[in-house]
Amino acid sequence: MEMTLDIVKLEAEVSKMISENMKLIAETRKLNAEASKMIRERAWYPMVAIGAAFASGAALAKLMIG
């Protein structure tokens, strides 16, 4: 009887560890997806800055000419 109880306890612990492991895997995937998104978005920042500089230069030129 005592041996069966120990086996049940071990199975419960293993089940709990597997559950925690699955949660950590899901969280890791989520963080990797967020990191990928940030890397993709980071590529656009220089283009936006260049576009803003070009637009402000064009506006300044129009003010000076017109």
C-alpha atoms as a PDB file:
ATOM      1  CA  MET A   1       0.000   0.000   0.000  1.00  0.00           C
ATOM      2  CA  GLU A   2       2.768   2.405   0.925  1.00  0.00           C
ATOM      3  CA  MET A   3       4.597   1.617  -2.322  1.00  0.00           C
ATOM      4  CA  THR A   4       1.462   2.462  -4.324  1.00  0.00           C
ATOM      5  CA  LEU A   5       1.093   5.759  -2.487  1.00  0.00           C
ATOM      6  CA  ASP A   6       4.688   6.679  -3.299  1.00  0.00           C
ATOM      7  CA  ILE A   7       4.102   5.880  -6.965  1.00  0.00           C
ATOM      8  CA  VAL A   8       0.980   8.040  -7.010  1.00  0.00           C
ATOM      9  CA  LYS A   9       2.897  10.910  -5.406  1.00  0.00           C
ATOM     10  CA  LEU A  10       5.716  10.565  -7.934  1.00  0.00           C
ATOM     11  CA  GLU A  11       3.251  10.507 -10.833  1.00  0.00           C
ATOM     12  CA  ALA A  12       1.588  13.642  -9.468  1.00  0.00           C
ATOM     13  CA  GLU A  13       4.954  15.414  -9.194  1.00  0.00           C
ATOM     14  CA  VAL A  14       5.941  14.359 -12.713  1.00  0.00           C
ATOM     15  CA  SER A  15       2.588  15.554 -14.034  1.00  0.00           C
ATOM     16  CA  LYS A  16       3.032  18.895 -12.287  1.00  0.00           C
ATOM     17  CA  MET A  17       6.553  19.280 -13.686  1.00  0.00           C
ATOM     18  CA  ILE A  18       5.352  18.484 -17.197  1.00  0.00           C
ATOM     19  CA  SER A  19       2.609  21.080 -16.822  1.00  0.00           C
ATOM     20  CA  GLU A  20       5.089  23.711 -15.630  1.00  0.00           C
ATOM     21  CA  ASN A  21       7.422  22.811 -18.482  1.00  0.00           C
ATOM     22  CA  MET A  22       4.628  23.297 -21.019  1.00  0.00           C
ATOM     23  CA  LYS A  23       3.845  26.707 -19.516  1.00  0.00           C
ATOM     24  CA  LEU A  24       7.504  27.720 -19.798  1.00  0.00           C
ATOM     25  CA  ILE A  25       7.638  26.552 -23.410  1.00  0.00           C
ATOM     26  CA  ALA A  26       4.530  28.610 -24.225  1.00  0.00           C
ATOM     27  CA  GLU A  27       5.997  31.671 -22.521  1.00  0.00           C
ATOM     28  CA  THR A  28       9.282  31.221 -24.390  1.00  0.00           C
ATOM     29  CA  ARG A  29       7.431  31.054 -27.711  1.00  0.00           C
ATOM     30  CA  LYS A  30       5.501  34.204 -26.835  1.00  0.00           C
ATOM     31  CA  LEU A  31       8.682  36.076 -25.916  1.00  0.00           C
ATOM     32  CA  ASN A  32      10.400  34.917 -29.109  1.00  0.00           C
ATOM     33  CA  ALA A  33       7.447  36.145 -31.164  1.00  0.00           C
ATOM     34  CA  GLU A  34       7.558  39.534 -29.427  1.00  0.00           C
ATOM     35  CA  ALA A  35      11.325  39.777 -29.992  1.00  0.00           C
ATOM     36  CA  SER A  36      10.894  38.978 -33.684  1.00  0.00           C
ATOM     37  CA  LYS A  37       8.227  41.644 -33.977  1.00  0.00           C
ATOM     38  CA  MET A  38      10.477  44.222 -32.323  1.00  0.00           C
ATOM     39  CA  ILE A  39      13.336  43.350 -34.669  1.00  0.00           C
ATOM     40  CA  ARG A  40      11.069  43.732 -37.715  1.00  0.00           C
ATOM     41  CA  GLU A  41       9.710  47.065 -36.449  1.00  0.00           C
ATOM     42  CA  ARG A  42      13.190  48.361 -35.675  1.00  0.00           C
ATOM     43  CA  ALA A  43      14.066  48.214 -39.372  1.00  0.00           C
ATOM     44  CA  TRP A  44      11.382  50.829 -40.142  1.00  0.00           C
ATOM     45  CA  TYR A  45      12.616  53.536 -37.756  1.00  0.00           C
ATOM     46  CA  PRO A  46      15.478  54.822 -39.970  1.00  0.00           C
ATOM     47  CA  MET A  47      13.132  54.950 -42.967  1.00  0.00           C
ATOM     48  CA  VAL A  48      10.616  56.994 -40.998  1.00  0.00           C
ATOM     49  CA  ALA A  49      13.342  59.384 -39.830  1.00  0.00           C
ATOM     50  CA  ILE A  50      14.662  59.823 -43.379  1.00  0.00           C
ATOM     51  CA  GLY A  51      11.132  60.403 -44.668  1.00  0.00           C
ATOM     52  CA  ALA A  52      10.484  63.022 -41.987  1.00  0.00           C
ATOM     53  CA  ALA A  53      13.762  64.774 -42.757  1.00  0.00           C
ATOM     54  CA  PHE A  54      12.945  64.791 -46.471  1.00  0.00           C
ATOM     55  CA  ALA A  55       9.442  66.151 -45.839  1.00  0.00           C
ATOM     56  CA  SER A  56      10.728  68.894 -43.549  1.00  0.00           C
ATOM     57  CA  GLY A  57      13.410  69.792 -46.111  1.00  0.00           C
ATOM     58  CA  ALA A  58      10.789  69.980 -48.847  1.00  0.00           C
ATOM     59  CA  ALA A  59       8.571  72.173 -46.673  1.00  0.00           C
ATOM     60  CA  LEU A  60      11.490  74.461 -45.840  1.00  0.00           C
ATOM     61  CA  ALA A  61      12.434  74.728 -49.518  1.00  0.00           C
ATOM     62  CA  LYS A  62       8.851  75.587 -50.424  1.00  0.00           C
ATOM     63  CA  LEU A  63       8.784  78.326 -47.786  1.00  0.00           C
ATOM     64  CA  MET A  64      12.048  79.811 -49.073  1.00  0.00           C
ATOM     65  CA  ILE A  65      11.003  79.650 -52.724  1.00  0.00           C
ATOM     66  CA  GLY A  66       7.382  80.655 -52.405  1.00  0.00           C
END
